[in-house]
């Protein structure tokens, strides 16, 4: 199945070749969870601070249990510091 992955800030380095504007369409197994997508892209789980599926927040402890559907958009951000 195909999903859209958006990786922001430093996570953008994990996007596959051909990605544009921090986003790429990727093919994953039917019913894949967020943790499986992270593994496929090589994104270390500890580098993901914020995850949204179709604009809905997913708590970090739910990454391995949140299944994706065809056409979903997964957006990920690393921890951010500022002052």
C-alpha atoms as a PDB file:
ATOM      1  CA  UNK A   1       0.000   0.000   0.000  1.00  0.00           C
ATOM      2  CA  UNK A   2       1.133   3.570  -0.552  1.00  0.00           C
ATOM      3  CA  UNK A   3       1.329   6.258   2.134  1.00  0.00           C
ATOM      4  CA  UNK A   4       2.807   9.740   2.233  1.00  0.00           C
ATOM      5  CA  UNK A   5       5.617  10.330   4.705  1.00  0.00           C
ATOM      6  CA  UNK A   6       6.587  13.842   5.749  1.00  0.00           C
ATOM      7  CA  UNK A   7       9.804  14.208   7.721  1.00  0.00           C
ATOM      8  CA  UNK A   8      10.651  17.589   9.192  1.00  0.00           C
ATOM      9  CA  UNK A   9      13.830  19.297  10.420  1.00  0.00           C
ATOM     10  CA  UNK A  10      16.744  16.876  10.894  1.00  0.00           C
ATOM     11  CA  UNK A  11      14.559  13.850  10.069  1.00  0.00           C
ATOM     12  CA  UNK A  12      14.434  15.019   6.450  1.00  0.00           C
ATOM     13  CA  UNK A  13      17.763  13.301   5.827  1.00  0.00           C
ATOM     14  CA  UNK A  14      15.946   9.947   6.045  1.00  0.00           C
ATOM     15  CA  UNK A  15      13.621  10.659   3.120  1.00  0.00           C
ATOM     16  CA  UNK A  16      14.173   8.419   0.089  1.00  0.00           C
ATOM     17  CA  UNK A  17      15.688   9.792  -3.127  1.00  0.00           C
ATOM     18  CA  UNK A  18      13.213  11.795  -5.173  1.00  0.00           C
ATOM     19  CA  UNK A  19      11.449  13.271  -2.148  1.00  0.00           C
ATOM     20  CA  UNK A  20      10.239  16.825  -2.577  1.00  0.00           C
ATOM     21  CA  UNK A  21       9.295  19.434  -0.005  1.00  0.00           C
ATOM     22  CA  UNK A  22       9.979  17.108   2.951  1.00  0.00           C
ATOM     23  CA  UNK A  23       7.534  14.493   1.633  1.00  0.00           C
ATOM     24  CA  UNK A  24       7.645  11.215  -0.251  1.00  0.00           C
ATOM     25  CA  UNK A  25       5.217   8.531  -1.278  1.00  0.00           C
ATOM     26  CA  UNK A  26       6.425   5.180   0.016  1.00  0.00           C
ATOM     27  CA  UNK A  27       5.146   1.662  -0.390  1.00  0.00           C
ATOM     28  CA  UNK A  28       4.761  -0.351   2.812  1.00  0.00           C
ATOM     29  CA  UNK A  29       3.146  -3.650   3.696  1.00  0.00           C
ATOM     30  CA  UNK A  30      -0.614  -3.686   4.105  1.00  0.00           C
ATOM     31  CA  UNK A  31      -1.481  -2.825   7.716  1.00  0.00           C
ATOM     32  CA  UNK A  32       2.042  -1.623   8.566  1.00  0.00           C
ATOM     33  CA  UNK A  33       2.409   0.262  11.826  1.00  0.00           C
ATOM     34  CA  UNK A  34       4.359   3.484  12.343  1.00  0.00           C
ATOM     35  CA  UNK A  35       7.313   1.662  13.924  1.00  0.00           C
ATOM     36  CA  UNK A  36       7.638  -0.489  10.786  1.00  0.00           C
ATOM     37  CA  UNK A  37       7.711   2.609   8.587  1.00  0.00           C
ATOM     38  CA  UNK A  38      10.428   4.123  10.788  1.00  0.00           C
ATOM     39  CA  UNK A  39      12.475   0.940  10.459  1.00  0.00           C
ATOM     40  CA  UNK A  40      11.995   0.837   6.680  1.00  0.00           C
ATOM     41  CA  UNK A  41      13.268   4.415   6.366  1.00  0.00           C
ATOM     42  CA  UNK A  42      16.077   3.915   8.896  1.00  0.00           C
ATOM     43  CA  UNK A  43      14.712   6.573  11.261  1.00  0.00           C
ATOM     44  CA  UNK A  44      15.825   5.892  14.857  1.00  0.00           C
ATOM     45  CA  UNK A  45      12.710   5.730  16.998  1.00  0.00           C
ATOM     46  CA  UNK A  46      14.298   7.842  19.737  1.00  0.00           C
ATOM     47  CA  UNK A  47      14.653  10.700  17.244  1.00  0.00           C
ATOM     48  CA  UNK A  48      10.881  10.953  16.767  1.00  0.00           C
ATOM     49  CA  UNK A  49       9.260  13.376  19.198  1.00  0.00           C
ATOM     50  CA  UNK A  50       5.974  14.154  17.446  1.00  0.00           C
ATOM     51  CA  UNK A  51       3.966  11.900  15.142  1.00  0.00           C
ATOM     52  CA  UNK A  52       0.732  12.726  13.332  1.00  0.00           C
ATOM     53  CA  UNK A  53      -1.366  10.458  11.124  1.00  0.00           C
ATOM     54  CA  UNK A  54      -3.691  12.481   8.924  1.00  0.00           C
ATOM     55  CA  UNK A  55      -3.245  15.376  11.350  1.00  0.00           C
ATOM     56  CA  UNK A  56      -4.092  13.333  14.455  1.00  0.00           C
ATOM     57  CA  UNK A  57      -1.497  13.134  17.248  1.00  0.00           C
ATOM     58  CA  UNK A  58      -0.100   9.665  18.026  1.00  0.00           C
ATOM     59  CA  UNK A  59       1.547   9.241  21.430  1.00  0.00           C
ATOM     60  CA  UNK A  60       5.130   7.876  21.300  1.00  0.00           C
ATOM     61  CA  UNK A  61       4.141   4.716  23.167  1.00  0.00           C
ATOM     62  CA  UNK A  62       1.557   3.948  20.446  1.00  0.00           C
ATOM     63  CA  UNK A  63       3.914   3.981  17.436  1.00  0.00           C
ATOM     64  CA  UNK A  64       4.140   0.184  17.313  1.00  0.00           C
ATOM     65  CA  UNK A  65       0.388  -0.326  17.634  1.00  0.00           C
ATOM     66  CA  UNK A  66      -0.914   2.368  15.286  1.00  0.00           C
ATOM     67  CA  UNK A  67      -1.695   0.753  11.940  1.00  0.00           C
ATOM     68  CA  UNK A  68      -1.684   2.765   8.752  1.00  0.00           C
ATOM     69  CA  UNK A  69      -4.165   2.561   5.885  1.00  0.00           C
ATOM     70  CA  UNK A  70      -3.659   3.184   2.169  1.00  0.00           C
ATOM     71  CA  UNK A  71      -3.430   6.895   1.439  1.00  0.00           C
ATOM     72  CA  UNK A  72      -2.561   7.920   5.008  1.00  0.00           C
ATOM     73  CA  UNK A  73      -0.136  10.760   5.641  1.00  0.00           C
ATOM     74  CA  UNK A  74       2.436  10.199   8.384  1.00  0.00           C
ATOM     75  CA  UNK A  75       4.210  13.356   9.578  1.00  0.00           C
ATOM     76  CA  UNK A  76       7.161  13.170  11.976  1.00  0.00           C
ATOM     77  CA  UNK A  77       9.240  15.748  13.865  1.00  0.00           C
ATOM     78  CA  UNK A  78      12.361  15.377  16.017  1.00  0.00           C
ATOM     79  CA  UNK A  79      12.689  16.939  19.490  1.00  0.00           C
ATOM     80  CA  UNK A  80      12.898  20.705  19.231  1.00  0.00           C
ATOM     81  CA  UNK A  81      14.734  23.069  21.567  1.00  0.00           C
ATOM     82  CA  UNK A  82      14.451  26.769  21.769  1.00  0.00           C
ATOM     83  CA  UNK A  83      14.184  29.653  24.056  1.00  0.00           C
END
